[in-house]
C-alpha atoms as a PDB file:
ATOM      1  CA  MET A   1      -0.738 -31.551  33.739  1.00  0.00           C
ATOM      2  CA  LYS A   2       2.724 -33.022  33.399  1.00  0.00           C
ATOM      3  CA  GLY A   3       3.855 -34.605  36.612  1.00  0.00           C
ATOM      4  CA  THR A   4       6.897 -34.719  38.820  1.00  0.00           C
ATOM      5  CA  SER A   5       8.937 -37.786  39.663  1.00  0.00           C
ATOM      6  CA  CYS A   6       6.684 -38.737  42.608  1.00  0.00           C
ATOM      7  CA  GLU A   7       3.301 -38.900  40.913  1.00  0.00           C
ATOM      8  CA  ALA A   8       1.852 -40.779  37.979  1.00  0.00           C
ATOM      9  CA  ILE A   9       2.031 -38.853  34.756  1.00  0.00           C
ATOM     10  CA  PRO A  10      -1.222 -38.690  32.839  1.00  0.00           C
ATOM     11  CA  VAL A  11      -0.480 -39.329  29.179  1.00  0.00           C
ATOM     12  CA  PRO A  12      -3.199 -38.074  26.836  1.00  0.00           C
ATOM     13  CA  GLU A  13      -4.623 -40.113  24.010  1.00  0.00           C
ATOM     14  CA  ASN A  14      -2.362 -40.230  20.902  1.00  0.00           C
ATOM     15  CA  ALA A  15       0.760 -39.575  22.996  1.00  0.00           C
ATOM     16  CA  PHE A  16       3.548 -41.567  24.646  1.00  0.00           C
ATOM     17  CA  LEU A  17       5.714 -41.226  27.738  1.00  0.00           C
ATOM     18  CA  ARG A  18       9.234 -40.051  26.908  1.00  0.00           C
ATOM     19  CA  SER A  19      12.152 -42.253  27.944  1.00  0.00           C
ATOM     20  CA  SER A  20      12.936 -39.914  30.853  1.00  0.00           C
ATOM     21  CA  GLY A  21       9.591 -40.876  32.379  1.00  0.00           C
ATOM     22  CA  TYR A  22       8.888 -37.266  33.331  1.00  0.00           C
ATOM     23  CA  ASP A  23       7.195 -35.957  30.222  1.00  0.00           C
ATOM     24  CA  TRP A  24       5.060 -37.019  27.261  1.00  0.00           C
ATOM     25  CA  GLN A  25       5.091 -36.324  23.536  1.00  0.00           C
ATOM     26  CA  CYS A  26       2.399 -36.509  20.877  1.00  0.00           C
ATOM     27  CA  ASP A  27       2.501 -39.368  18.389  1.00  0.00           C
ATOM     28  CA  ARG A  28       3.565 -38.631  14.831  1.00  0.00           C
ATOM     29  CA  GLY A  29       0.672 -37.014  12.972  1.00  0.00           C
ATOM     30  CA  TYR A  30      -0.526 -35.220  16.122  1.00  0.00           C
ATOM     31  CA  ARG A  31       0.500 -31.942  17.671  1.00  0.00           C
ATOM     32  CA  GLN A  32       0.273 -30.669  21.222  1.00  0.00           C
ATOM     33  CA  ASP A  33      -2.605 -28.342  22.115  1.00  0.00           C
ATOM     34  CA  ARG A  34      -2.325 -27.561  25.823  1.00  0.00           C
ATOM     35  CA  GLU A  35      -2.565 -30.938  27.570  1.00  0.00           C
ATOM     36  CA  THR A  36      -3.950 -32.924  24.613  1.00  0.00           C
ATOM     37  CA  CYS A  37      -2.812 -34.156  21.229  1.00  0.00           C
ATOM     38  CA  VAL A  38      -4.859 -33.107  18.226  1.00  0.00           C
ATOM     39  CA  PRO A  39      -4.523 -34.464  14.672  1.00  0.00           C
ATOM     40  CA  VAL A  40      -2.299 -32.499  12.305  1.00  0.00           C
ATOM     41  CA  VAL A  41      -4.371 -31.258   9.386  1.00  0.00           C
ATOM     42  CA  LEU A  42      -2.151 -31.413   6.318  1.00  0.00           C
ATOM     43  CA  PRO A  43      -2.851 -28.857   3.616  1.00  0.00           C
ATOM     44  CA  GLY A  44      -2.162 -29.783   0.008  1.00  0.00           C
ATOM     45  CA  ASN A  45       1.551 -29.892  -0.928  1.00  0.00           C
ATOM     46  CA  ALA A  46       2.668 -30.407   2.679  1.00  0.00           C
ATOM     47  CA  TYR A  47       4.183 -33.240   4.699  1.00  0.00           C
ATOM     48  CA  LEU A  48       4.386 -34.066   8.405  1.00  0.00           C
ATOM     49  CA  SER A  49       7.293 -32.431  10.209  1.00  0.00           C
ATOM     50  CA  GLU A  50       8.935 -33.110  13.558  1.00  0.00           C
ATOM     51  CA  ASP A  51       7.439 -29.892  14.964  1.00  0.00           C
ATOM     52  CA  THR A  52       4.879 -31.260  17.424  1.00  0.00           C
ATOM     53  CA  SER A  53       4.057 -27.943  19.098  1.00  0.00           C
ATOM     54  CA  GLY A  54       3.552 -25.778  15.983  1.00  0.00           C
ATOM     55  CA  SER A  55       1.567 -26.626  12.888  1.00  0.00           C
ATOM     56  CA  GLY A  56       3.119 -30.103  12.610  1.00  0.00           C
ATOM     57  CA  TRP A  57       3.666 -29.755   8.853  1.00  0.00           C
ATOM     58  CA  THR A  58       6.104 -28.257   6.344  1.00  0.00           C
ATOM     59  CA  CYS A  59       5.477 -27.245   2.746  1.00  0.00           C
ATOM     60  CA  GLU A  60       7.045 -29.294  -0.045  1.00  0.00           C
ATOM     61  CA  ARG A  61       9.854 -27.854  -2.169  1.00  0.00           C
ATOM     62  CA  GLY A  62       8.517 -25.128  -4.448  1.00  0.00           C
ATOM     63  CA  PHE A  63       5.795 -24.080  -2.003  1.00  0.00           C
ATOM     64  CA  THR A  64       5.705 -21.642   0.892  1.00  0.00           C
ATOM     65  CA  ALA A  65       3.479 -21.537   3.974  1.00  0.00           C
ATOM     66  CA  SER A  66       0.738 -18.920   3.974  1.00  0.00           C
ATOM     67  CA  SER A  67      -1.546 -19.164   7.038  1.00  0.00           C
ATOM     68  CA  SER A  68      -2.867 -22.763   6.852  1.00  0.00           C
ATOM     69  CA  ALA A  69      -1.962 -23.513   3.228  1.00  0.00           C
ATOM     70  CA  CYS A  70       1.039 -24.183   0.990  1.00  0.00           C
ATOM     71  CA  VAL A  71       1.137 -21.745  -1.899  1.00  0.00           C
ATOM     72  CA  ALA A  72       3.197 -22.385  -5.046  1.00  0.00           C
ATOM     73  CA  ILE A  73       6.215 -20.126  -5.437  1.00  0.00           C
ATOM     74  CA  ALA A  74       5.932 -18.151  -8.651  1.00  0.00           C
ATOM     75  CA  VAL A  75       9.210 -18.717 -10.491  1.00  0.00           C
ATOM     76  CA  PRO A  76       9.573 -16.328 -13.412  1.00  0.00           C
ATOM     77  CA  GLU A  77      10.638 -17.360 -16.892  1.00  0.00           C
ATOM     78  CA  ASN A  78      14.423 -17.907 -16.970  1.00  0.00           C
ATOM     79  CA  GLY A  79      14.419 -18.525 -13.206  1.00  0.00           C
ATOM     80  CA  TYR A  80      14.823 -21.646 -11.063  1.00  0.00           C
ATOM     81  CA  LEU A  81      14.173 -22.798  -7.497  1.00  0.00           C
ATOM     82  CA  THR A  82      17.234 -22.669  -5.262  1.00  0.00           C
ATOM     83  CA  ASN A  83      18.074 -24.803  -2.246  1.00  0.00           C
ATOM     84  CA  ALA A  84      17.769 -21.762   0.041  1.00  0.00           C
ATOM     85  CA  ASP A  85      14.990 -22.038   2.628  1.00  0.00           C
ATOM     86  CA  TYR A  86      14.269 -25.628   1.568  1.00  0.00           C
ATOM     87  CA  GLY A  87      13.442 -24.686  -2.014  1.00  0.00           C
ATOM     88  CA  ALA A  88      11.295 -21.681  -1.108  1.00  0.00           C
ATOM     89  CA  LYS A  89      13.379 -19.136  -3.031  1.00  0.00           C
ATOM     90  CA  TRP A  90      14.302 -18.637  -6.668  1.00  0.00           C
ATOM     91  CA  ALA A  91      17.166 -17.118  -8.633  1.00  0.00           C
ATOM     92  CA  CYS A  92      17.743 -16.166 -12.252  1.00  0.00           C
ATOM     93  CA  GLU A  93      19.602 -18.419 -14.662  1.00  0.00           C
ATOM     94  CA  ARG A  94      23.083 -17.468 -15.837  1.00  0.00           C
ATOM     95  CA  GLY A  95      22.901 -14.524 -18.211  1.00  0.00           C
ATOM     96  CA  PHE A  96      19.848 -13.024 -16.491  1.00  0.00           C
ATOM     97  CA  PHE A  97      19.392 -10.568 -13.612  1.00  0.00           C
ATOM     98  CA  GLU A  98      16.422 -10.194 -11.266  1.00  0.00           C
ATOM     99  CA  ILE A  99      14.579  -6.921 -11.819  1.00  0.00           C
ATOM    100  CA  ASP A 100      11.203  -6.349 -10.128  1.00  0.00           C
ATOM    101  CA  GLY A 101      10.484 -10.068  -9.758  1.00  0.00           C
ATOM    102  CA  ARG A 102      11.433 -10.901 -13.362  1.00  0.00           C
ATOM    103  CA  CYS A 103      14.557 -12.379 -14.910  1.00  0.00           C
ATOM    104  CA  GLU A 104      15.810  -9.947 -17.522  1.00  0.00           C
ATOM    105  CA  ARG A 105      18.523 -10.914 -20.015  1.00  0.00           C
ATOM    106  CA  VAL A 106      21.913  -9.282 -19.491  1.00  0.00           C
ATOM    107  CA  ALA A 107      22.623  -6.934 -22.410  1.00  0.00           C
ATOM    108  CA  ILE A 108      26.111  -7.915 -23.548  1.00  0.00           C
ATOM    109  CA  PRO A 109      27.875  -5.346 -25.704  1.00  0.00           C
ATOM    110  CA  GLU A 110      30.147  -6.273 -28.604  1.00  0.00           C
ATOM    111  CA  ASN A 111      33.583  -7.534 -27.481  1.00  0.00           C
ATOM    112  CA  ALA A 112      32.234  -8.598 -24.072  1.00  0.00           C
ATOM    113  CA  ILE A 113      31.460 -11.928 -22.384  1.00  0.00           C
ATOM    114  CA  LEU A 114      29.162 -12.983 -19.549  1.00  0.00           C
ATOM    115  CA  ASP A 115      30.711 -12.485 -16.130  1.00  0.00           C
ATOM    116  CA  ARG A 116      30.334 -14.978 -13.273  1.00  0.00           C
ATOM    117  CA  VAL A 117      30.112 -12.367 -10.513  1.00  0.00           C
ATOM    118  CA  SER A 118      26.683 -11.583  -9.072  1.00  0.00           C
ATOM    119  CA  TYR A 119      27.224  -7.810  -9.023  1.00  0.00           C
ATOM    120  CA  GLY A 120      27.932  -5.259 -11.730  1.00  0.00           C
ATOM    121  CA  PRO A 121      26.552  -5.270 -15.268  1.00  0.00           C
ATOM    122  CA  GLY A 122      26.781  -9.066 -15.696  1.00  0.00           C
ATOM    123  CA  TRP A 123      29.448  -8.846 -18.411  1.00  0.00           C
ATOM    124  CA  ARG A 124      33.115  -7.990 -18.749  1.00  0.00           C
ATOM    125  CA  CYS A 125      35.170  -6.872 -21.686  1.00  0.00           C
ATOM    126  CA  GLU A 126      37.304  -9.335 -23.595  1.00  0.00           C
ATOM    127  CA  ARG A 127      41.082  -9.084 -23.274  1.00  0.00           C
ATOM    128  CA  GLY A 128      42.387  -5.949 -24.987  1.00  0.00           C
ATOM    129  CA  TYR A 129      39.166  -3.987 -24.425  1.00  0.00           C
ATOM    130  CA  GLU A 130      38.018  -1.748 -21.601  1.00  0.00           C
ATOM    131  CA  PRO A 131      34.525  -0.727 -20.451  1.00  0.00           C
ATOM    132  CA  VAL A 132      33.447   2.777 -21.471  1.00  0.00           C
ATOM    133  CA  ASN A 133      29.785   3.886 -21.194  1.00  0.00           C
ATOM    134  CA  ASN A 134      28.292   0.343 -21.323  1.00  0.00           C
ATOM    135  CA  ALA A 135      30.500  -0.608 -24.277  1.00  0.00           C
ATOM    136  CA  CYS A 136      33.855  -2.322 -24.733  1.00  0.00           C
ATOM    137  CA  VAL A 137      36.390  -0.223 -26.614  1.00  0.00           C
ATOM    138  CA  VAL A 138      39.876  -1.202 -27.751  1.00  0.00           C
ATOM    139  CA  ILE A 139      42.567  -0.251 -25.265  1.00  0.00           C
ATOM    140  CA  ASP A 140      44.920   2.238 -26.886  1.00  0.00           C
ATOM    141  CA  LEU A 141      48.329   1.069 -25.703  1.00  0.00           C
ATOM    142  CA  PRO A 142      50.933   3.824 -25.586  1.00  0.00           C
ATOM    143  CA  ALA A 143      54.460   3.029 -26.705  1.00  0.00           C
ATOM    144  CA  ASN A 144      56.466   1.022 -24.159  1.00  0.00           C
ATOM    145  CA  ALA A 145      53.327  -0.378 -22.485  1.00  0.00           C
ATOM    146  CA  HIS A 146      51.669  -3.778 -22.229  1.00  0.00           C
ATOM    147  CA  LEU A 147      48.322  -5.199 -21.096  1.00  0.00           C
ATOM    148  CA  ASP A 148      48.290  -6.161 -17.442  1.00  0.00           C
ATOM    149  CA  ARG A 149      47.317  -9.608 -16.169  1.00  0.00           C
ATOM    150  CA  SER A 150      43.577  -8.846 -16.371  1.00  0.00           C
ATOM    151  CA  GLY A 151      43.911  -7.865 -20.019  1.00  0.00           C
ATOM    152  CA  ASN A 152      41.613  -4.894 -19.472  1.00  0.00           C
ATOM    153  CA  ARG A 153      44.197  -2.317 -18.310  1.00  0.00           C
ATOM    154  CA  TRP A 154      47.766  -1.469 -19.267  1.00  0.00           C
ATOM    155  CA  ARG A 155      51.036  -0.867 -17.467  1.00  0.00           C
ATOM    156  CA  CYS A 156      54.312   0.619 -18.482  1.00  0.00           C
ATOM    157  CA  ASP A 157      57.060  -1.801 -19.486  1.00  0.00           C
ATOM    158  CA  ARG A 158      59.992  -2.388 -17.140  1.00  0.00           C
ATOM    159  CA  SER A 159      62.333   0.636 -16.849  1.00  0.00           C
ATOM    160  CA  PHE A 160      59.507   2.961 -17.980  1.00  0.00           C
ATOM    161  CA  GLN A 161      57.207   5.055 -15.826  1.00  0.00           C
ATOM    162  CA  LEU A 162      53.862   6.736 -16.387  1.00  0.00           C
ATOM    163  CA  SER A 163      54.011  10.443 -17.144  1.00  0.00           C
ATOM    164  CA  ASN A 164      51.083  12.367 -18.628  1.00  0.00           C
ATOM    165  CA  GLY A 165      49.469   9.184 -20.003  1.00  0.00           C
ATOM    166  CA  GLU A 166      52.700   7.993 -21.667  1.00  0.00           C
ATOM    167  CA  CYS A 167      55.406   5.546 -20.693  1.00  0.00           C
ATOM    168  CA  VAL A 168      58.721   7.388 -20.497  1.00  0.00           C
ATOM    169  CA  LEU A 169      62.180   6.086 -19.667  1.00  0.00           C
ATOM    170  CA  GLY A 170      62.698   6.231 -15.911  1.00  0.00           C
ATOM    171  CA  ARG A 171      65.200   8.612 -14.456  1.00  0.00           C
END
């Protein structure tokens, strides 16, 4: 049992007295089991960790802990390991979306380009085109209108206002 400041502290084998003098800690490669230090049993693809009260080991990048083993993370084709959870997660490469544990290619319609955002269809229409039913169709600009800053919508020119889908001289 760990002692108080007035009595000698019994330090188990494979342990050392902490600098406070009131407590002990297991040596590296050992973990605490009640009042003793037992050797850490490293499974394949693991390394010693600073956790002296738990398992005492952590899985290497690309592996995940499963009971007392490190199991390889199955990264699908067109996927890669991320830095999330110390390399225990994967994501799809650019141009692919995760669907049911696979990385499926984004279907890019004509007059579209890959989009950087992680939501939506994964593509956006080129300037001068707008999305309609998973396709990019030419924007039909009415007279006295221009493409807006995005290039995928239009606005009425200055001094004109929208009326019934046309740009008419303001009143």
